[in-house]
Amino acid sequence: MDKNSNVLSDPQEFIDYLNSETKKVLDMFTSSGGDDIFTQFTQSWTELTTRSFEDPTVWIRAITDYQTAQLNLWQSLFTGSTANVEPSRGDRRFQAEEWSANPVFSYIKQSYLLTSKLLNEMASNANLSDSEQRKLEFYTQQYIDALSPTNFAATNPEVLQQALETKGQSLIDGLKNLLGDIDKGRISMTDETAFVLGENLALSEGAVVFENDMFQLLQYKPLTEQVTERPLLIVPPCINKFYILDLQEHNSFVRYCVEQGQTVFLVSWLNPSIEQGDISWDDYVGEGVIKAIDVAHDIGTADKINALAWCVGGTLLASALAVMAARKDNRVASATFLTTLTDFSDPGDLCVFIDEQQVKRLEDKVNNAGVLNGRELATSFNMLRSNDLIWSYVVNNYLKGQTPPPFDILYWNSDSTNLPANMYTYYINKMYLENKLVEPNALTICGEPIDLRKIKIPCYFLSTIEDHIAPWKGTFKGAANFKGNVEFVLGASGHVAGVINPASKNRRHFWTGGEQGKSADHWFDTATQQEGSWWTHWNEWLKRRAGKKAEAPADFGNATYKAIEPAPGRYVSARID
């Protein structure tokens, strides 16, 4: 069909065409580790079918209940009575009035929900091993979400109504959005034309004072006449870009730190290309984190610095601190870890992508390519919240023809980074599969056998209660391996929103002061809930370790490390696109 033909002359033909084109882009976006969700679903259900012969009554009972519910649904359709099948709490897909007011679409919705319930119940009763059970339940839910009637034009009353009201223009616009995203190779989650780094994102004034083949080091301009003696070094994750910590003035963690009188240095990681696939975990630790500590310490005037890191940046910082402890290097006074796993015994929802078979298959692919493509990594994370981060955009962008509104965090989320093959395969094997970081002397990094128990500096651990990437009970367990004074804080919300919670907005809450040395649940039961942002609590903690006040530096860098270019620098601007 010609995309410029008259839509209303044969709307069903156009809907069929749009559905077929949508399927193409969905195939592109619903893959993980080389296997799409339908392949994984089939494999998981094959296992379930085999196991079902051990107790077929589970199947019989589930199917009988399903048939009874479907019969009741049919009766309600013809008698006009109200059926009782409703979406679960938080499911926003069926909020439009048409899903309830129109008997046909009400039936479609409820039949889908009944079938979803049947599949989920059968999956939950599979009685597989823990890892296989989680994979089965995850891919069953992915399959259910993918086949929702909301995802297809012909079975979504909102899409059909909008097409009528716009005389087909919404379908034309949706096709344009779809073709544009196919060209980009990813779903547009925000209006990407609304943001430019250095103009309305990554705004804090600063300069690049050092760079190598691993990173650029940014130093930010003071906003106070006096600053604390010990500078703060921030190590962001090398997955995605650093500017999640420096979005706009009202929600910039970097700006907040500078406003509190901190001299802030920040690592801006290189976005590696295929030619840089040999960069190793040791390189990230030695030529990355430890080198950044060297430069920040040399530019600063105090004997020590403070360090803060997030997610995999925190795992790198922990590795670096263990190396420094082995070398009797005590230049870091304190460390802050934001949603950081160091004990990987419970990797949360990511475990569905991590077993020996899947890792080996992906490892071969990554080694051949030289890098783990950032788009594939982003898709895996998005699948953990597929209705919010995949299917809602499919419906709004492609079926309704809407342009997503500007949203800084989603712009950052779409700005993916690659990971070098060497570093990634070490990380996924030694941390996730083998959990070697918590074993004393099990890993040798930068020539040093490392032991987290030798890290005896004060540490602040911030986790978030809804984190599906670094589950808080896992981060709590890992924090117990650090032998200095450990402050554990649990924030509300998830992996990103729980961290980027500006103090000025005074939103959400956090828990502190639980009894340590026992279980995570015991800590939570004994903790105190406090209103507002964890930023202020952390700032008070850091002040006690930041040293005396000193005159704010007038220039960036020093005689050895001079300003190279203004922040945010070149490295952060390199996009996969």
Protein backbone atom coordinates (compact mmCIF):
# COMPACT_ATOMS: atom_id res chain seq x y z
CA MET A 1 0.00 0.00 0.00
CA ASP A 2 1.21 3.48 -0.86
CA LYS A 3 1.62 5.36 2.45
CA ASN A 4 0.37 8.53 0.70
CA SER A 5 -2.87 6.98 -0.56
CA ASN A 6 -6.27 8.08 0.71
CA VAL A 7 -6.73 6.46 4.10
CA LEU A 8 -10.50 6.78 4.27
CA SER A 9 -11.02 5.19 0.85
CA ASP A 10 -10.14 1.84 2.45
CA PRO A 11 -9.44 2.32 6.15
CA GLN A 12 -9.26 -1.41 6.89
CA GLU A 13 -6.53 -1.86 4.28
CA PHE A 14 -4.56 0.95 5.90
CA ILE A 15 -5.06 -0.52 9.37
CA ASP A 16 -3.83 -3.91 8.15
CA TYR A 17 -0.82 -2.22 6.58
CA LEU A 18 -0.07 -0.25 9.73
CA ASN A 19 -0.34 -3.38 11.86
CA SER A 20 2.09 -5.23 9.57
CA GLU A 21 4.57 -2.35 9.67
CA THR A 22 4.21 -2.12 13.46
CA LYS A 23 5.07 -5.81 13.71
CA LYS A 24 8.36 -5.12 11.89
CA VAL A 25 9.47 -2.53 14.40
CA LEU A 26 8.28 -4.67 17.32
CA ASP A 27 10.42 -7.54 16.08
CA MET A 28 13.36 -5.13 16.14
CA PHE A 29 12.69 -3.90 19.66
CA THR A 30 11.59 -7.08 21.47
CA SER A 31 14.86 -8.96 21.31
CA SER A 32 17.34 -9.81 24.04
CA GLY A 33 20.56 -11.74 23.67
CA GLY A 34 19.65 -12.79 20.15
CA ASP A 35 16.31 -14.38 21.09
CA ASP A 36 12.99 -12.62 20.71
CA ILE A 37 10.36 -12.90 23.39
CA PHE A 38 8.27 -15.34 21.38
CA THR A 39 11.18 -17.79 21.06
CA GLN A 40 11.90 -17.55 24.78
CA PHE A 41 8.21 -17.94 25.54
CA THR A 42 7.99 -21.09 23.42
CA GLN A 43 11.06 -22.59 25.07
CA SER A 44 9.75 -21.85 28.55
CA TRP A 45 6.32 -23.26 27.82
CA THR A 46 7.81 -26.40 26.29
CA GLU A 47 9.49 -26.99 29.63
CA LEU A 48 6.24 -26.28 31.44
CA THR A 49 4.30 -28.72 29.25
CA THR A 50 6.85 -31.44 29.96
CA ARG A 51 6.59 -30.86 33.70
CA SER A 52 2.79 -30.69 33.60
CA PHE A 53 2.53 -34.45 33.11
CA GLU A 54 3.70 -34.85 36.71
CA ASP A 55 0.45 -33.26 37.91
CA PRO A 56 -2.08 -32.76 35.08
CA THR A 57 -4.77 -31.73 37.56
CA VAL A 58 -3.19 -28.26 37.67
CA TRP A 59 -3.88 -27.82 33.95
CA ILE A 60 -7.36 -29.33 34.15
CA ARG A 61 -8.37 -27.10 37.04
CA ALA A 62 -6.98 -23.96 35.40
CA ILE A 63 -8.65 -24.66 32.05
CA THR A 64 -11.96 -25.50 33.73
CA ASP A 65 -11.90 -22.22 35.63
CA TYR A 66 -11.03 -20.40 32.41
CA GLN A 67 -13.89 -21.97 30.47
CA THR A 68 -16.34 -21.11 33.25
CA ALA A 69 -15.15 -17.50 33.30
CA GLN A 70 -15.43 -17.25 29.50
CA LEU A 71 -18.98 -18.64 29.64
CA ASN A 72 -19.92 -16.04 32.24
CA LEU A 73 -18.36 -13.37 30.05
CA TRP A 74 -20.43 -14.47 27.05
CA GLN A 75 -23.58 -14.42 29.15
CA SER A 76 -22.85 -10.90 30.34
CA LEU A 77 -22.32 -9.79 26.73
CA PHE A 78 -25.78 -10.96 25.65
CA THR A 79 -27.69 -10.08 28.83
CA GLY A 80 -26.12 -6.67 29.33
CA SER A 81 -25.04 -7.52 32.86
CA THR A 82 -21.74 -6.27 34.25
CA ALA A 83 -18.80 -8.64 34.08
CA ASN A 84 -16.20 -8.63 36.84
CA VAL A 85 -12.89 -8.97 34.98
CA GLU A 86 -10.83 -5.82 35.50
CA PRO A 87 -7.17 -4.92 34.94
CA SER A 88 -4.77 -5.15 37.83
CA ARG A 89 -3.95 -2.05 39.83
CA GLY A 90 -1.58 0.22 37.95
CA ASP A 91 -2.51 -1.15 34.51
CA ARG A 92 -3.33 1.99 32.51
CA ARG A 93 -3.97 0.39 29.14
CA PHE A 94 -7.77 0.17 29.39
CA GLN A 95 -8.65 3.47 31.04
CA ALA A 96 -10.60 4.93 28.10
CA GLU A 97 -14.39 4.82 28.45
CA GLU A 98 -14.82 2.83 25.21
CA TRP A 99 -13.26 -0.25 26.79
CA SER A 100 -16.22 -0.45 29.17
CA ALA A 101 -19.04 1.33 27.37
CA ASN A 102 -18.83 -0.59 24.09
CA PRO A 103 -19.93 -4.25 24.57
CA VAL A 104 -17.66 -5.57 21.82
CA PHE A 105 -14.51 -3.90 23.11
CA SER A 106 -15.48 -4.69 26.68
CA TYR A 107 -15.61 -8.34 25.68
CA ILE A 108 -12.25 -8.12 23.87
CA LYS A 109 -10.66 -6.53 26.93
CA GLN A 110 -12.09 -9.00 29.42
CA SER A 111 -11.40 -12.04 27.26
CA TYR A 112 -7.78 -10.90 26.99
CA LEU A 113 -7.56 -10.38 30.75
CA LEU A 114 -9.03 -13.84 31.40
CA THR A 115 -6.54 -15.45 29.04
CA SER A 116 -3.71 -13.48 30.65
CA LYS A 117 -4.78 -14.68 34.07
CA LEU A 118 -4.88 -18.29 32.85
CA LEU A 119 -1.37 -18.11 31.37
CA ASN A 120 0.08 -16.43 34.45
CA GLU A 121 -1.52 -18.91 36.83
CA MET A 122 -0.29 -21.88 34.83
CA ALA A 123 3.20 -20.38 34.70
CA SER A 124 3.26 -19.64 38.42
CA ASN A 125 2.31 -23.26 39.20
CA ALA A 126 4.99 -24.78 36.99
CA ASN A 127 7.19 -25.82 39.93
CA LEU A 128 10.44 -25.41 38.01
CA SER A 129 13.85 -24.55 39.40
CA ASP A 130 14.10 -20.99 40.71
CA SER A 131 15.93 -19.65 37.66
CA GLU A 132 13.70 -21.42 35.14
CA GLN A 133 10.59 -20.41 37.06
CA ARG A 134 11.53 -16.73 36.94
CA LYS A 135 12.31 -16.97 33.23
CA LEU A 136 8.99 -18.69 32.54
CA GLU A 137 6.98 -16.11 34.45
CA PHE A 138 8.90 -13.21 32.87
CA TYR A 139 8.57 -14.36 29.27
CA THR A 140 4.96 -15.38 29.81
CA GLN A 141 4.24 -11.81 30.91
CA GLN A 142 6.20 -10.44 27.95
CA TYR A 143 4.13 -12.58 25.58
CA ILE A 144 0.90 -11.47 27.26
CA ASP A 145 1.88 -7.81 27.08
CA ALA A 146 2.93 -8.05 23.44
CA LEU A 147 -0.42 -9.53 22.36
CA SER A 148 -2.61 -7.02 24.18
CA PRO A 149 -5.52 -5.77 22.04
CA THR A 150 -4.38 -2.24 22.82
CA ASN A 151 -1.29 -2.83 20.65
CA PHE A 152 -3.22 -3.33 17.40
CA ALA A 153 -5.23 -0.74 15.51
CA ALA A 154 -8.17 -3.01 14.65
CA THR A 155 -8.82 -3.95 18.29
CA ASN A 156 -8.15 -0.61 19.99
CA PRO A 157 -11.26 1.61 20.10
CA GLU A 158 -9.22 4.69 21.00
CA VAL A 159 -7.16 4.29 17.83
CA LEU A 160 -10.25 3.76 15.66
CA GLN A 161 -12.06 6.73 17.20
CA GLN A 162 -9.07 9.02 16.71
CA ALA A 163 -8.74 7.87 13.09
CA LEU A 164 -12.37 8.79 12.46
CA GLU A 165 -12.09 12.16 14.18
CA THR A 166 -8.94 13.12 12.25
CA LYS A 167 -10.21 11.62 8.96
CA GLY A 168 -7.29 9.23 8.94
CA GLN A 169 -4.56 11.78 9.61
CA SER A 170 -3.61 10.10 12.90
CA LEU A 171 -2.85 6.89 10.99
CA ILE A 172 -0.76 8.79 8.44
CA ASP A 173 1.15 10.52 11.25
CA GLY A 174 1.62 7.19 13.01
CA LEU A 175 3.10 5.64 9.91
CA LYS A 176 5.52 8.54 9.57
CA ASN A 177 6.56 8.08 13.20
CA LEU A 178 6.99 4.35 12.63
CA LEU A 179 9.14 4.74 9.53
CA GLY A 180 11.24 7.36 11.31
CA ASP A 181 11.88 5.00 14.23
CA ILE A 182 12.75 2.16 11.88
CA ASP A 183 15.42 4.42 10.40
CA LYS A 184 16.71 5.24 13.91
CA GLY A 185 16.51 1.63 15.07
CA ARG A 186 14.69 2.44 18.29
CA ILE A 187 11.42 3.74 19.70
CA SER A 188 11.19 7.49 20.27
CA MET A 189 10.20 8.05 23.88
CA THR A 190 10.43 11.82 23.86
CA ASP A 191 10.70 14.73 21.46
CA GLU A 192 14.43 14.44 20.83
CA THR A 193 14.56 17.72 18.93
CA ALA A 194 13.76 19.55 22.18
CA PHE A 195 17.12 18.85 23.83
CA VAL A 196 20.71 19.85 23.08
CA LEU A 197 23.58 18.99 25.41
CA GLY A 198 25.18 22.11 26.79
CA GLU A 199 22.15 24.25 25.91
CA ASN A 200 19.26 22.83 27.94
CA LEU A 201 20.84 19.63 29.34
CA ALA A 202 24.18 19.18 31.11
CA LEU A 203 24.10 22.88 31.93
CA SER A 204 26.42 23.17 34.92
CA GLU A 205 29.38 25.39 34.07
CA GLY A 206 32.70 23.61 34.05
CA ALA A 207 35.66 22.46 32.00
CA VAL A 208 37.40 19.27 30.93
CA VAL A 209 40.68 19.20 32.84
CA PHE A 210 41.93 15.76 31.78
CA GLU A 211 41.23 13.16 29.11
CA ASN A 212 42.57 9.80 28.00
CA ASP A 213 41.25 6.90 25.92
CA MET A 214 38.85 6.00 28.73
CA PHE A 215 37.22 9.19 29.95
CA GLN A 216 37.21 12.96 30.25
CA LEU A 217 37.32 14.48 33.72
CA LEU A 218 35.10 17.51 34.25
CA GLN A 219 35.64 20.10 36.97
CA TYR A 220 32.67 22.35 37.80
CA LYS A 221 32.77 26.05 38.63
CA PRO A 222 32.11 26.87 42.31
CA LEU A 223 28.88 28.69 43.15
CA THR A 224 29.98 29.66 46.67
CA GLU A 225 32.79 31.93 47.88
CA GLN A 226 34.19 29.13 50.00
CA VAL A 227 34.30 25.41 49.32
CA THR A 228 35.05 22.35 51.41
CA GLU A 229 38.67 21.34 51.50
CA ARG A 230 38.17 17.83 50.11
CA PRO A 231 36.77 17.70 46.58
CA LEU A 232 34.03 15.28 45.50
CA LEU A 233 34.68 12.88 42.60
CA ILE A 234 31.56 11.48 40.91
CA VAL A 235 31.82 8.20 38.96
CA PRO A 236 28.65 7.64 36.90
CA PRO A 237 27.80 4.32 35.26
CA CYS A 238 29.43 3.59 31.91
CA ILE A 239 25.99 2.41 30.76
CA ASN A 240 24.21 5.54 29.48
CA LYS A 241 25.68 9.04 29.87
CA PHE A 242 26.74 11.04 32.94
CA TYR A 243 24.23 13.86 32.42
CA ILE A 244 21.47 12.01 34.26
CA LEU A 245 23.26 13.68 37.19
CA ASP A 246 23.22 17.09 35.49
CA LEU A 247 19.95 17.40 33.58
CA GLN A 248 18.45 20.86 34.05
CA GLU A 249 18.99 23.42 36.77
CA HIS A 250 15.99 22.32 38.85
CA ASN A 251 16.92 18.61 38.94
CA SER A 252 20.72 18.59 38.64
CA PHE A 253 22.50 16.62 41.35
CA VAL A 254 25.80 18.18 40.22
CA ARG A 255 24.42 21.69 40.70
CA TYR A 256 23.07 20.75 44.12
CA CYS A 257 26.51 19.54 45.21
CA VAL A 258 28.20 22.71 43.92
CA GLU A 259 25.60 24.86 45.70
CA GLN A 260 26.51 23.09 48.95
CA GLY A 261 30.12 24.24 48.60
CA GLN A 262 31.61 21.09 47.09
CA THR A 263 34.38 21.22 44.48
CA VAL A 264 32.97 18.67 42.07
CA PHE A 265 34.85 16.51 39.58
CA LEU A 266 32.94 14.10 37.34
CA VAL A 267 33.95 11.27 35.01
CA SER A 268 32.53 11.39 31.47
CA TRP A 269 33.11 7.92 30.04
CA LEU A 270 34.06 7.32 26.42
CA ASN A 271 31.30 5.78 24.28
CA PRO A 272 33.42 2.93 22.86
CA SER A 273 33.45 1.94 19.21
CA ILE A 274 34.16 -1.47 17.68
CA GLU A 275 37.88 -0.64 17.56
CA GLN A 276 37.91 -0.24 21.36
CA GLY A 277 36.45 -3.65 22.15
CA ASP A 278 39.62 -4.75 23.98
CA ILE A 279 39.15 -2.24 26.81
CA SER A 280 38.99 -4.37 29.96
CA TRP A 281 37.51 -4.17 33.44
CA ASP A 282 41.04 -3.55 34.69
CA ASP A 283 41.29 -0.58 32.31
CA TYR A 284 38.05 0.89 33.66
CA VAL A 285 39.38 0.53 37.19
CA GLY A 286 43.02 1.54 36.70
CA GLU A 287 43.00 3.95 33.76
CA GLY A 288 39.49 5.06 34.63
CA VAL A 289 38.51 5.36 38.30
CA ILE A 290 41.96 5.35 39.90
CA LYS A 291 43.31 7.78 37.30
CA ALA A 292 40.37 10.11 37.98
CA ILE A 293 41.20 9.90 41.70
CA ASP A 294 44.83 10.78 40.88
CA VAL A 295 43.86 13.90 38.92
CA ALA A 296 41.16 15.13 41.32
CA HIS A 297 43.55 14.65 44.24
CA ASP A 298 46.37 16.48 42.46
CA ILE A 299 44.17 19.45 41.54
CA GLY A 300 42.70 19.59 45.02
CA THR A 301 44.67 20.98 47.93
CA ALA A 302 43.69 18.47 50.63
CA ASP A 303 45.19 15.14 51.61
CA LYS A 304 42.07 13.20 50.61
CA ILE A 305 39.02 13.34 48.36
CA ASN A 306 35.48 11.98 48.70
CA ALA A 307 33.98 9.73 46.02
CA LEU A 308 30.44 9.00 44.86
CA ALA A 309 29.33 6.46 42.25
CA TRP A 310 26.13 5.07 40.77
CA CYS A 311 25.13 1.57 39.60
CA VAL A 312 27.96 -0.13 37.66
CA GLY A 313 30.02 2.99 38.41
CA GLY A 314 29.71 1.94 42.04
CA THR A 315 30.90 -1.58 41.25
CA LEU A 316 33.92 -0.03 39.50
CA LEU A 317 34.54 2.29 42.46
CA ALA A 318 34.35 -0.63 44.90
CA SER A 319 36.87 -2.51 42.75
CA ALA A 320 39.16 0.54 42.69
CA LEU A 321 38.92 1.05 46.46
CA ALA A 322 39.79 -2.63 47.01
CA VAL A 323 42.84 -2.21 44.76
CA MET A 324 43.85 0.92 46.68
CA ALA A 325 43.35 -0.85 50.01
CA ALA A 326 45.68 -3.61 48.85
CA ARG A 327 48.23 -0.91 47.98
CA LYS A 328 47.78 0.92 51.31
CA ASP A 329 46.57 3.96 49.35
CA ASN A 330 44.28 6.00 51.60
CA ARG A 331 43.58 9.07 49.46
CA VAL A 332 39.80 8.48 49.47
CA ALA A 333 38.19 9.67 52.70
CA SER A 334 34.66 8.34 52.11
CA ALA A 335 32.61 6.62 49.42
CA THR A 336 28.94 6.95 48.47
CA PHE A 337 27.30 4.16 46.50
CA LEU A 338 24.00 4.86 44.74
CA THR A 339 21.91 1.75 43.87
CA THR A 340 25.07 -0.35 43.55
CA LEU A 341 25.40 -4.13 43.53
CA THR A 342 28.59 -5.62 44.91
CA ASP A 343 26.97 -8.93 45.90
CA PHE A 344 25.28 -10.34 42.79
CA SER A 345 23.59 -13.35 44.38
CA ASP A 346 20.23 -11.69 43.67
CA PRO A 347 20.44 -9.57 40.50
CA GLY A 348 16.71 -8.91 40.49
CA ASP A 349 14.69 -9.01 37.28
CA LEU A 350 17.87 -9.04 35.19
CA CYS A 351 18.35 -12.70 36.17
CA VAL A 352 15.99 -13.71 33.34
CA PHE A 353 18.69 -12.69 30.87
CA ILE A 354 21.54 -14.27 32.81
CA ASP A 355 22.28 -17.96 32.73
CA GLU A 356 25.22 -19.85 31.27
CA GLN A 357 23.44 -20.66 28.01
CA GLN A 358 22.20 -17.13 27.32
CA VAL A 359 25.46 -15.51 28.42
CA LYS A 360 27.55 -17.82 26.22
CA ARG A 361 25.37 -17.06 23.20
CA LEU A 362 25.53 -13.31 23.80
CA GLU A 363 29.25 -13.48 24.59
CA ASP A 364 29.96 -15.01 21.18
CA LYS A 365 27.89 -12.31 19.52
CA VAL A 366 29.55 -9.49 21.46
CA ASN A 367 33.07 -10.79 20.83
CA ASN A 368 32.37 -10.99 17.11
CA ALA A 369 30.93 -7.45 17.09
CA GLY A 370 33.61 -5.94 19.35
CA VAL A 371 31.04 -4.20 21.57
CA LEU A 372 27.72 -4.84 23.24
CA ASN A 373 25.48 -2.50 21.29
CA GLY A 374 23.82 0.01 23.57
CA ARG A 375 20.48 -0.40 21.81
CA GLU A 376 20.32 -4.08 22.74
CA LEU A 377 21.20 -3.23 26.32
CA ALA A 378 18.51 -0.54 26.43
CA THR A 379 15.93 -2.98 25.06
CA SER A 380 16.72 -5.47 27.81
CA PHE A 381 16.19 -2.82 30.47
CA ASN A 382 13.01 -1.57 28.78
CA MET A 383 11.60 -5.09 28.71
CA LEU A 384 11.61 -5.09 32.50
CA ARG A 385 8.81 -2.49 32.25
CA SER A 386 7.53 -3.28 28.79
CA ASN A 387 4.03 -1.81 29.08
CA ASP A 388 5.45 1.55 30.19
CA LEU A 389 8.65 1.65 28.12
CA ILE A 390 7.73 -0.20 24.92
CA TRP A 391 4.04 -0.82 24.27
CA SER A 392 2.67 2.53 25.42
CA TYR A 393 4.91 4.23 22.85
CA VAL A 394 3.90 1.76 20.15
CA VAL A 395 0.26 2.68 20.74
CA ASN A 396 0.71 6.44 21.11
CA ASN A 397 3.42 6.99 18.48
CA TYR A 398 2.43 4.54 15.74
CA LEU A 399 -1.28 3.84 16.16
CA LYS A 400 -2.43 7.25 17.39
CA GLY A 401 0.16 9.29 15.50
CA GLN A 402 1.18 11.33 18.53
CA THR A 403 4.57 12.94 19.07
CA PRO A 404 5.86 12.19 22.57
CA PRO A 405 6.32 15.31 24.72
CA PRO A 406 9.77 16.53 25.81
CA PHE A 407 11.06 14.71 28.91
CA ASP A 408 14.70 15.05 29.92
CA ILE A 409 15.05 11.69 31.69
CA LEU A 410 13.59 9.80 28.72
CA TYR A 411 15.92 11.67 26.36
CA TRP A 412 18.82 10.48 28.51
CA ASN A 413 17.34 6.97 28.59
CA SER A 414 17.40 6.89 24.77
CA ASP A 415 21.01 8.11 24.57
CA SER A 416 22.58 4.67 24.84
CA THR A 417 26.24 3.72 25.10
CA ASN A 418 28.14 0.67 23.94
CA LEU A 419 30.18 -1.55 26.24
CA PRO A 420 33.55 -3.01 25.12
CA ALA A 421 33.38 -6.76 24.53
CA ASN A 422 36.31 -7.48 26.86
CA MET A 423 34.89 -5.44 29.75
CA TYR A 424 31.33 -6.73 29.28
CA THR A 425 32.22 -10.43 29.19
CA TYR A 426 34.32 -10.06 32.35
CA TYR A 427 31.56 -8.14 34.11
CA ILE A 428 28.75 -10.53 33.21
CA ASN A 429 30.78 -13.65 34.04
CA LYS A 430 32.79 -12.64 37.11
CA MET A 431 30.08 -10.55 38.76
CA TYR A 432 26.67 -11.84 37.70
CA LEU A 433 27.33 -15.51 36.92
CA GLU A 434 30.12 -16.30 39.40
CA ASN A 435 29.61 -13.53 42.03
CA LYS A 436 33.37 -13.36 42.60
CA LEU A 437 33.58 -9.75 43.79
CA VAL A 438 32.43 -10.68 47.31
CA GLU A 439 34.86 -13.60 47.63
CA PRO A 440 38.09 -12.48 49.30
CA ASN A 441 41.04 -12.64 46.87
CA ALA A 442 38.94 -14.42 44.22
CA LEU A 443 39.66 -11.67 41.68
CA THR A 444 42.94 -10.03 40.75
CA ILE A 445 42.36 -6.52 39.43
CA CYS A 446 45.17 -4.21 38.31
CA GLY A 447 47.61 -6.80 39.61
CA GLU A 448 46.14 -6.87 43.13
CA PRO A 449 44.12 -9.68 44.77
CA ILE A 450 41.13 -7.76 46.08
CA ASP A 451 39.03 -8.08 49.20
CA LEU A 452 36.11 -5.72 49.84
CA ARG A 453 36.55 -6.32 53.56
CA LYS A 454 39.76 -4.30 53.46
CA ILE A 455 37.77 -1.17 52.53
CA LYS A 456 37.50 0.51 55.93
CA ILE A 457 36.49 4.05 55.05
CA PRO A 458 33.03 5.47 55.88
CA CYS A 459 30.50 4.44 53.22
CA TYR A 460 27.01 5.73 52.41
CA PHE A 461 24.75 3.28 50.56
CA LEU A 462 21.61 4.66 48.92
CA SER A 463 19.19 2.09 47.52
CA THR A 464 15.60 2.43 46.33
CA ILE A 465 12.68 0.27 47.34
CA GLU A 466 11.27 -0.29 43.83
CA ASP A 467 14.62 -0.84 42.10
CA HIS A 468 14.36 -3.73 39.60
CA ILE A 469 17.97 -3.41 38.41
CA ALA A 470 19.84 -3.31 41.74
CA PRO A 471 17.33 -4.74 44.27
CA TRP A 472 17.73 -3.05 47.62
CA LYS A 473 18.01 -6.26 49.62
CA GLY A 474 20.92 -7.26 47.38
CA THR A 475 22.67 -3.93 47.85
CA PHE A 476 22.07 -4.20 51.60
CA LYS A 477 23.70 -7.64 51.62
CA GLY A 478 26.70 -6.31 49.69
CA ALA A 479 27.14 -3.34 52.02
CA ALA A 480 27.81 -5.74 54.90
CA ASN A 481 31.17 -6.63 53.33
CA PHE A 482 32.53 -3.11 53.84
CA LYS A 483 34.21 -2.83 57.23
CA GLY A 484 34.14 0.91 57.75
CA ASN A 485 31.26 2.89 59.23
CA VAL A 486 28.35 2.07 56.87
CA GLU A 487 25.27 4.29 56.57
CA PHE A 488 22.47 2.51 54.70
CA VAL A 489 19.55 4.58 53.38
CA LEU A 490 16.53 3.34 51.45
CA GLY A 491 14.76 5.78 49.15
CA ALA A 492 11.30 5.63 47.64
CA SER A 493 10.66 4.91 43.92
CA GLY A 494 13.01 3.13 41.51
CA HIS A 495 16.51 2.98 40.08
CA VAL A 496 16.47 6.41 38.43
CA ALA A 497 13.56 8.38 39.90
CA GLY A 498 14.59 7.40 43.41
CA VAL A 499 18.06 8.87 42.89
CA ILE A 500 17.10 11.98 40.92
CA ASN A 501 14.87 13.38 43.65
CA PRO A 502 15.73 17.09 44.01
CA ALA A 503 15.79 18.48 47.53
CA SER A 504 14.04 21.65 46.37
CA LYS A 505 10.87 19.73 45.49
CA ASN A 506 10.69 17.99 48.88
CA ARG A 507 9.02 14.93 47.32
CA ARG A 508 8.84 11.30 48.33
CA HIS A 509 10.49 9.90 51.45
CA PHE A 510 13.32 7.65 52.60
CA TRP A 511 14.20 5.34 55.49
CA THR A 512 17.25 5.56 57.75
CA GLY A 513 18.62 4.22 61.00
CA GLY A 514 17.62 0.57 60.78
CA GLU A 515 19.53 -1.96 62.84
CA GLN A 516 22.36 -3.48 60.80
CA GLY A 517 24.03 -6.84 61.23
CA LYS A 518 20.83 -8.80 60.66
CA SER A 519 18.53 -9.27 57.67
CA ALA A 520 17.35 -6.57 55.27
CA ASP A 521 13.78 -7.10 56.46
CA HIS A 522 14.88 -6.53 60.06
CA TRP A 523 16.66 -3.34 59.01
CA PHE A 524 13.49 -2.07 57.35
CA ASP A 525 11.31 -2.98 60.34
CA THR A 526 13.58 -0.98 62.65
CA ALA A 527 14.21 1.96 60.28
CA THR A 528 12.61 5.41 60.53
CA GLN A 529 10.75 6.96 57.62
CA GLN A 530 11.68 10.54 56.82
CA GLU A 531 9.89 12.86 54.43
CA GLY A 532 11.54 14.57 51.48
CA SER A 533 14.68 13.88 49.49
CA TRP A 534 17.63 11.79 50.61
CA TRP A 535 19.91 14.50 49.13
CA THR A 536 19.79 16.63 52.27
CA HIS A 537 20.46 13.64 54.53
CA TRP A 538 23.48 12.65 52.44
CA ASN A 539 24.76 16.23 52.34
CA GLU A 540 24.82 16.37 56.15
CA TRP A 541 26.65 13.03 56.21
CA LEU A 542 29.23 14.25 53.68
CA LYS A 543 29.84 17.58 55.44
CA ARG A 544 31.33 15.72 58.39
CA ARG A 545 33.91 14.17 56.06
CA ALA A 546 34.58 17.09 53.70
CA GLY A 547 37.23 18.93 55.70
CA LYS A 548 37.53 22.62 56.49
CA LYS A 549 36.34 25.54 54.39
CA ALA A 550 38.74 27.13 51.93
CA GLU A 551 38.66 29.88 49.34
CA ALA A 552 36.94 28.72 46.17
CA PRO A 553 39.41 28.16 43.29
CA ALA A 554 39.37 30.92 40.70
CA ASP A 555 40.39 28.72 37.75
CA PHE A 556 39.89 25.19 36.48
CA GLY A 557 42.66 22.63 36.93
CA ASN A 558 46.22 23.58 37.92
CA ALA A 559 49.64 23.96 36.34
CA THR A 560 49.70 20.28 35.39
CA TYR A 561 46.10 19.80 34.36
CA LYS A 562 44.80 22.75 32.37
CA ALA A 563 41.32 23.30 30.95
CA ILE A 564 40.94 21.51 27.60
CA GLU A 565 37.40 22.49 26.59
CA PRO A 566 34.15 23.60 28.25
CA ALA A 567 31.83 21.11 29.91
CA PRO A 568 30.07 18.87 29.01
CA GLY A 569 32.92 17.94 26.66
CA ARG A 570 33.17 15.91 23.47
CA TYR A 571 32.90 12.38 24.84
CA VAL A 572 29.33 12.73 26.08
CA SER A 573 28.18 13.93 22.66
CA ALA A 574 29.12 10.71 20.83
CA ARG A 575 25.84 8.93 20.00
CA ILE A 576 25.29 5.43 18.68
CA ASP A 577 23.06 6.93 15.97
